[in-house]
Amino acid sequence: MIIHWSDDAIREIRLRYGSDATVWKLVSDSEGCGCAMNGVAALWAIQAPQEGELQAESNAFEVWYEKRHEVFFDESMRVTYQPEHRAFKLASDGQIYSNRLRIEDRRIINSIK
């Protein structure tokens, strides 16, 4: 899997989450959806990947994902920032996953457990 971050997306991530938010996890988040097949694409800032997670090729940040989520995404995708909407977009040449990509800082949540 390859994820390319636009310069605007890199800049906005650093502004919102700090320069130490360098490790991210791409998920198909089905929490609250009622079905594991109806997930929503999301990026989570994490402290470190969990054992068994795979690393995507990325031009800016470490991006990890679970093997079981691989089926939901294309081989090559891009994250861009749309300032007019104050939103991130995840897309590939074949589809748009989200015009308002959900991005969460899970570093604190996971360190408390």
N, C-alpha and C. Protein backbone atom coordinates (compact mmCIF):
# COMPACT_ATOMS: atom_id res chain seq x y z
N MET A 1 0.84 -1.17 0.00
CA MET A 1 0.00 0.00 0.00
C MET A 1 0.90 1.24 0.00
N ILE A 2 0.49 2.22 -0.78
CA ILE A 2 1.25 3.47 -0.89
C ILE A 2 0.29 4.63 -0.58
N ILE A 3 0.74 5.53 0.30
CA ILE A 3 -0.05 6.70 0.63
C ILE A 3 0.80 7.94 0.42
N HIS A 4 0.32 8.81 -0.45
CA HIS A 4 1.03 10.06 -0.73
C HIS A 4 0.28 11.21 -0.06
N TRP A 5 0.99 12.00 0.72
CA TRP A 5 0.43 13.15 1.41
C TRP A 5 0.78 14.42 0.63
N SER A 6 -0.21 15.27 0.38
CA SER A 6 0.07 16.56 -0.26
C SER A 6 0.79 17.47 0.74
N ASP A 7 1.47 18.47 0.22
CA ASP A 7 2.16 19.42 1.10
C ASP A 7 1.19 20.10 2.05
N ASP A 8 0.01 20.46 1.54
CA ASP A 8 -1.00 21.11 2.39
C ASP A 8 -1.47 20.18 3.50
N ALA A 9 -1.65 18.90 3.18
CA ALA A 9 -2.08 17.93 4.19
C ALA A 9 -1.01 17.74 5.26
N ILE A 10 0.23 17.66 4.87
CA ILE A 10 1.34 17.52 5.82
C ILE A 10 1.38 18.73 6.75
N ARG A 11 1.29 19.90 6.18
CA ARG A 11 1.33 21.14 6.96
C ARG A 11 0.17 21.20 7.96
N GLU A 12 -1.03 20.86 7.52
CA GLU A 12 -2.21 20.92 8.38
C GLU A 12 -2.16 19.87 9.49
N ILE A 13 -1.68 18.67 9.17
CA ILE A 13 -1.52 17.63 10.20
C ILE A 13 -0.58 18.13 11.29
N ARG A 14 0.52 18.71 10.89
CA ARG A 14 1.50 19.20 11.87
C ARG A 14 0.93 20.35 12.70
N LEU A 15 0.15 21.23 12.07
CA LEU A 15 -0.49 22.33 12.80
C LEU A 15 -1.49 21.82 13.83
N ARG A 16 -2.30 20.86 13.44
CA ARG A 16 -3.37 20.35 14.31
C ARG A 16 -2.88 19.39 15.39
N TYR A 17 -1.92 18.54 15.03
CA TYR A 17 -1.54 17.45 15.93
C TYR A 17 -0.11 17.54 16.45
N GLY A 18 0.63 18.52 15.99
CA GLY A 18 2.00 18.70 16.45
C GLY A 18 3.01 17.93 15.61
N SER A 19 4.24 18.36 15.71
CA SER A 19 5.30 17.73 14.91
C SER A 19 5.64 16.33 15.40
N ASP A 20 5.17 15.97 16.60
CA ASP A 20 5.45 14.62 17.12
C ASP A 20 4.40 13.60 16.67
N ALA A 21 3.39 14.02 15.94
CA ALA A 21 2.38 13.09 15.40
C ALA A 21 2.90 12.52 14.09
N THR A 22 3.79 11.55 14.20
CA THR A 22 4.46 11.02 13.01
C THR A 22 4.05 9.59 12.67
N VAL A 23 3.30 8.94 13.58
CA VAL A 23 2.89 7.56 13.37
C VAL A 23 1.37 7.52 13.29
N TRP A 24 0.86 7.00 12.17
CA TRP A 24 -0.57 6.99 11.90
C TRP A 24 -1.04 5.59 11.55
N LYS A 25 -2.31 5.33 11.81
CA LYS A 25 -2.90 4.05 11.45
C LYS A 25 -4.11 4.31 10.57
N LEU A 26 -4.13 3.69 9.39
CA LEU A 26 -5.26 3.77 8.48
C LEU A 26 -6.21 2.62 8.82
N VAL A 27 -7.47 2.96 9.06
CA VAL A 27 -8.44 1.94 9.43
C VAL A 27 -9.71 2.09 8.62
N SER A 28 -10.43 1.00 8.53
CA SER A 28 -11.81 1.02 8.07
C SER A 28 -12.61 0.84 9.36
N ASP A 29 -13.00 1.96 9.94
CA ASP A 29 -13.60 1.97 11.27
C ASP A 29 -15.08 1.64 11.19
N SER A 30 -15.46 0.50 11.75
CA SER A 30 -16.86 0.07 11.72
C SER A 30 -17.55 0.26 13.07
N GLU A 31 -16.86 0.91 14.01
CA GLU A 31 -17.45 1.13 15.33
C GLU A 31 -18.71 1.98 15.20
N GLY A 32 -19.81 1.46 15.68
CA GLY A 32 -21.08 2.17 15.62
C GLY A 32 -21.81 2.02 14.30
N CYS A 33 -21.20 1.31 13.33
CA CYS A 33 -21.82 1.15 12.02
C CYS A 33 -22.81 -0.03 11.98
N GLY A 34 -22.64 -0.98 12.89
CA GLY A 34 -23.53 -2.13 12.92
C GLY A 34 -23.11 -3.28 12.04
N CYS A 35 -22.10 -3.06 11.21
CA CYS A 35 -21.65 -4.13 10.31
C CYS A 35 -20.19 -3.92 9.98
N ALA A 36 -19.41 -4.96 10.06
CA ALA A 36 -17.97 -4.86 9.79
C ALA A 36 -17.67 -4.53 8.33
N MET A 37 -18.63 -4.71 7.45
CA MET A 37 -18.40 -4.44 6.03
C MET A 37 -18.76 -3.01 5.65
N ASN A 38 -19.29 -2.22 6.57
CA ASN A 38 -19.69 -0.85 6.27
C ASN A 38 -18.83 0.16 7.00
N GLY A 39 -17.55 -0.06 7.01
CA GLY A 39 -16.64 0.82 7.74
C GLY A 39 -16.44 2.15 7.04
N VAL A 40 -15.94 3.10 7.81
CA VAL A 40 -15.62 4.43 7.33
C VAL A 40 -14.11 4.60 7.43
N ALA A 41 -13.49 5.09 6.38
CA ALA A 41 -12.04 5.31 6.40
C ALA A 41 -11.70 6.35 7.46
N ALA A 42 -10.63 6.08 8.21
CA ALA A 42 -10.18 7.00 9.24
C ALA A 42 -8.68 6.86 9.42
N LEU A 43 -8.06 7.92 9.90
CA LEU A 43 -6.65 7.91 10.26
C LEU A 43 -6.56 8.22 11.75
N TRP A 44 -5.78 7.40 12.46
CA TRP A 44 -5.58 7.59 13.89
C TRP A 44 -4.11 7.88 14.16
N ALA A 45 -3.84 8.94 14.90
CA ALA A 45 -2.48 9.17 15.40
C ALA A 45 -2.27 8.17 16.52
N ILE A 46 -1.19 7.41 16.45
CA ILE A 46 -0.90 6.39 17.45
C ILE A 46 0.52 6.55 17.97
N GLN A 47 0.77 5.95 19.13
CA GLN A 47 2.13 5.97 19.70
C GLN A 47 3.06 5.08 18.89
N ALA A 48 2.57 3.87 18.59
CA ALA A 48 3.38 2.89 17.88
C ALA A 48 2.45 1.83 17.30
N PRO A 49 2.87 1.17 16.23
CA PRO A 49 2.03 0.10 15.68
C PRO A 49 1.97 -1.09 16.62
N GLN A 50 0.92 -1.87 16.46
CA GLN A 50 0.80 -3.10 17.23
C GLN A 50 1.45 -4.23 16.45
N GLU A 51 1.78 -5.27 17.16
CA GLU A 51 2.41 -6.43 16.53
C GLU A 51 1.53 -6.96 15.41
N GLY A 52 2.14 -7.25 14.27
CA GLY A 52 1.43 -7.81 13.14
C GLY A 52 0.89 -6.80 12.15
N GLU A 53 0.91 -5.51 12.50
CA GLU A 53 0.42 -4.51 11.56
C GLU A 53 1.45 -4.29 10.45
N LEU A 54 0.95 -3.90 9.30
CA LEU A 54 1.79 -3.71 8.13
C LEU A 54 2.04 -2.23 7.90
N GLN A 55 3.21 -1.90 7.38
CA GLN A 55 3.54 -0.50 7.12
C GLN A 55 3.34 -0.17 5.65
N ALA A 56 2.60 0.91 5.42
CA ALA A 56 2.41 1.41 4.06
C ALA A 56 3.62 2.25 3.67
N GLU A 57 3.87 2.33 2.39
CA GLU A 57 4.89 3.25 1.90
C GLU A 57 4.28 4.64 1.94
N SER A 58 5.01 5.62 2.47
CA SER A 58 4.46 6.96 2.64
C SER A 58 5.56 8.00 2.47
N ASN A 59 5.20 9.14 1.91
CA ASN A 59 6.18 10.20 1.69
C ASN A 59 6.35 11.14 2.88
N ALA A 60 5.52 11.01 3.92
CA ALA A 60 5.61 11.98 5.01
C ALA A 60 5.62 11.36 6.39
N PHE A 61 4.70 10.49 6.69
CA PHE A 61 4.54 9.92 8.02
C PHE A 61 4.60 8.40 7.94
N GLU A 62 4.84 7.77 9.08
CA GLU A 62 4.68 6.31 9.15
C GLU A 62 3.19 6.04 9.12
N VAL A 63 2.76 5.16 8.23
CA VAL A 63 1.35 4.78 8.18
C VAL A 63 1.28 3.27 8.27
N TRP A 64 0.48 2.79 9.22
CA TRP A 64 0.32 1.37 9.48
C TRP A 64 -1.13 0.98 9.25
N TYR A 65 -1.36 -0.29 9.01
CA TYR A 65 -2.71 -0.79 8.83
C TYR A 65 -2.75 -2.27 9.17
N GLU A 66 -3.95 -2.74 9.46
CA GLU A 66 -4.14 -4.15 9.75
C GLU A 66 -4.37 -4.89 8.44
N LYS A 67 -3.81 -6.06 8.33
CA LYS A 67 -3.94 -6.87 7.11
C LYS A 67 -5.41 -7.05 6.72
N ARG A 68 -6.28 -7.23 7.72
CA ARG A 68 -7.69 -7.47 7.43
C ARG A 68 -8.39 -6.25 6.83
N HIS A 69 -7.81 -5.06 6.99
CA HIS A 69 -8.39 -3.85 6.41
C HIS A 69 -7.90 -3.58 4.99
N GLU A 70 -6.89 -4.30 4.57
CA GLU A 70 -6.28 -4.09 3.26
C GLU A 70 -7.29 -4.19 2.12
N VAL A 71 -8.26 -5.05 2.26
CA VAL A 71 -9.26 -5.29 1.22
C VAL A 71 -10.13 -4.05 0.95
N PHE A 72 -10.23 -3.15 1.91
CA PHE A 72 -11.09 -1.98 1.78
C PHE A 72 -10.43 -0.82 1.05
N PHE A 73 -9.13 -0.92 0.77
CA PHE A 73 -8.39 0.20 0.20
C PHE A 73 -7.65 -0.20 -1.08
N ASP A 74 -7.42 0.79 -1.94
CA ASP A 74 -6.64 0.58 -3.16
C ASP A 74 -5.15 0.54 -2.81
N GLU A 75 -4.37 0.07 -3.74
CA GLU A 75 -2.93 -0.05 -3.54
C GLU A 75 -2.25 1.31 -3.39
N SER A 76 -2.74 2.31 -4.12
CA SER A 76 -2.13 3.63 -4.08
C SER A 76 -3.21 4.68 -3.80
N MET A 77 -2.99 5.48 -2.75
CA MET A 77 -3.97 6.50 -2.36
C MET A 77 -3.25 7.79 -2.02
N ARG A 78 -4.02 8.85 -1.89
CA ARG A 78 -3.45 10.13 -1.52
C ARG A 78 -4.33 10.83 -0.48
N VAL A 79 -3.66 11.54 0.41
CA VAL A 79 -4.34 12.37 1.41
C VAL A 79 -4.06 13.81 1.04
N THR A 80 -5.13 14.57 0.84
CA THR A 80 -5.01 16.00 0.53
C THR A 80 -5.80 16.79 1.56
N TYR A 81 -5.55 18.10 1.59
CA TYR A 81 -6.28 18.97 2.50
C TYR A 81 -7.05 19.98 1.67
N GLN A 82 -8.33 20.17 2.04
CA GLN A 82 -9.21 21.12 1.36
C GLN A 82 -9.50 22.28 2.31
N PRO A 83 -8.74 23.37 2.20
CA PRO A 83 -8.89 24.47 3.17
C PRO A 83 -10.29 25.08 3.17
N GLU A 84 -10.96 25.09 2.04
CA GLU A 84 -12.31 25.67 1.98
C GLU A 84 -13.32 24.91 2.84
N HIS A 85 -13.02 23.65 3.10
CA HIS A 85 -13.89 22.81 3.95
C HIS A 85 -13.23 22.48 5.29
N ARG A 86 -11.98 22.90 5.45
CA ARG A 86 -11.18 22.54 6.64
C ARG A 86 -11.21 21.03 6.85
N ALA A 87 -11.05 20.30 5.75
CA ALA A 87 -11.19 18.84 5.79
C ALA A 87 -10.11 18.16 4.97
N PHE A 88 -9.81 16.93 5.38
CA PHE A 88 -8.87 16.09 4.65
C PHE A 88 -9.66 15.18 3.72
N LYS A 89 -9.04 14.81 2.63
CA LYS A 89 -9.68 13.93 1.64
C LYS A 89 -8.77 12.74 1.40
N LEU A 90 -9.35 11.54 1.41
CA LEU A 90 -8.61 10.32 1.07
C LEU A 90 -9.19 9.80 -0.24
N ALA A 91 -8.34 9.66 -1.24
CA ALA A 91 -8.81 9.22 -2.56
C ALA A 91 -7.73 8.41 -3.25
N SER A 92 -8.17 7.67 -4.26
CA SER A 92 -7.27 6.95 -5.16
C SER A 92 -7.67 7.36 -6.57
N ASP A 93 -7.02 6.80 -7.56
CA ASP A 93 -7.43 7.09 -8.94
C ASP A 93 -8.82 6.54 -9.23
N GLY A 94 -9.24 5.51 -8.49
CA GLY A 94 -10.51 4.85 -8.75
C GLY A 94 -11.69 5.32 -7.93
N GLN A 95 -11.42 5.95 -6.77
CA GLN A 95 -12.54 6.34 -5.92
C GLN A 95 -12.13 7.37 -4.86
N ILE A 96 -13.14 7.99 -4.30
CA ILE A 96 -12.96 8.88 -3.17
C ILE A 96 -13.46 8.11 -1.94
N TYR A 97 -12.59 7.91 -0.98
CA TYR A 97 -12.98 7.22 0.25
C TYR A 97 -13.71 8.15 1.20
N SER A 98 -13.24 9.39 1.26
CA SER A 98 -13.89 10.38 2.12
C SER A 98 -13.45 11.78 1.74
N ASN A 99 -14.42 12.68 1.61
CA ASN A 99 -14.13 14.10 1.42
C ASN A 99 -13.90 14.79 2.76
N ARG A 100 -14.29 14.13 3.81
CA ARG A 100 -14.11 14.64 5.18
C ARG A 100 -13.56 13.49 6.03
N LEU A 101 -12.33 13.14 5.74
CA LEU A 101 -11.66 12.02 6.40
C LEU A 101 -11.60 12.24 7.91
N ARG A 102 -12.08 11.26 8.65
CA ARG A 102 -12.04 11.35 10.11
C ARG A 102 -10.62 11.09 10.57
N ILE A 103 -10.09 12.03 11.33
CA ILE A 103 -8.74 11.92 11.87
C ILE A 103 -8.84 12.08 13.38
N GLU A 104 -8.29 11.11 14.10
CA GLU A 104 -8.38 11.10 15.56
C GLU A 104 -7.00 10.94 16.17
N ASP A 105 -6.81 11.60 17.28
CA ASP A 105 -5.58 11.44 18.04
C ASP A 105 -5.81 10.36 19.09
N ARG A 106 -5.32 9.17 18.83
CA ARG A 106 -5.49 8.03 19.73
C ARG A 106 -4.26 7.81 20.61
N ARG A 107 -3.32 8.73 20.57
CA ARG A 107 -2.09 8.55 21.38
C ARG A 107 -2.41 8.62 22.87
N ILE A 108 -3.24 9.51 23.29
CA ILE A 108 -3.56 9.67 24.70
C ILE A 108 -4.45 8.53 25.17
N ILE A 109 -5.47 8.20 24.39
CA ILE A 109 -6.41 7.14 24.74
C ILE A 109 -5.66 5.83 24.98
N ASN A 110 -4.77 5.47 24.07
CA ASN A 110 -4.06 4.21 24.18
C ASN A 110 -3.01 4.21 25.29
N SER A 111 -2.47 5.35 25.63
CA SER A 111 -1.45 5.38 26.69
C SER A 111 -2.07 5.31 28.08
N ILE A 112 -3.38 5.62 28.21
CA ILE A 112 -4.05 5.56 29.50
C ILE A 112 -4.41 4.12 29.86
N LYS A 113 -4.70 3.30 28.88
CA LYS A 113 -5.13 1.90 29.12
C LYS A 113 -4.05 1.07 29.74
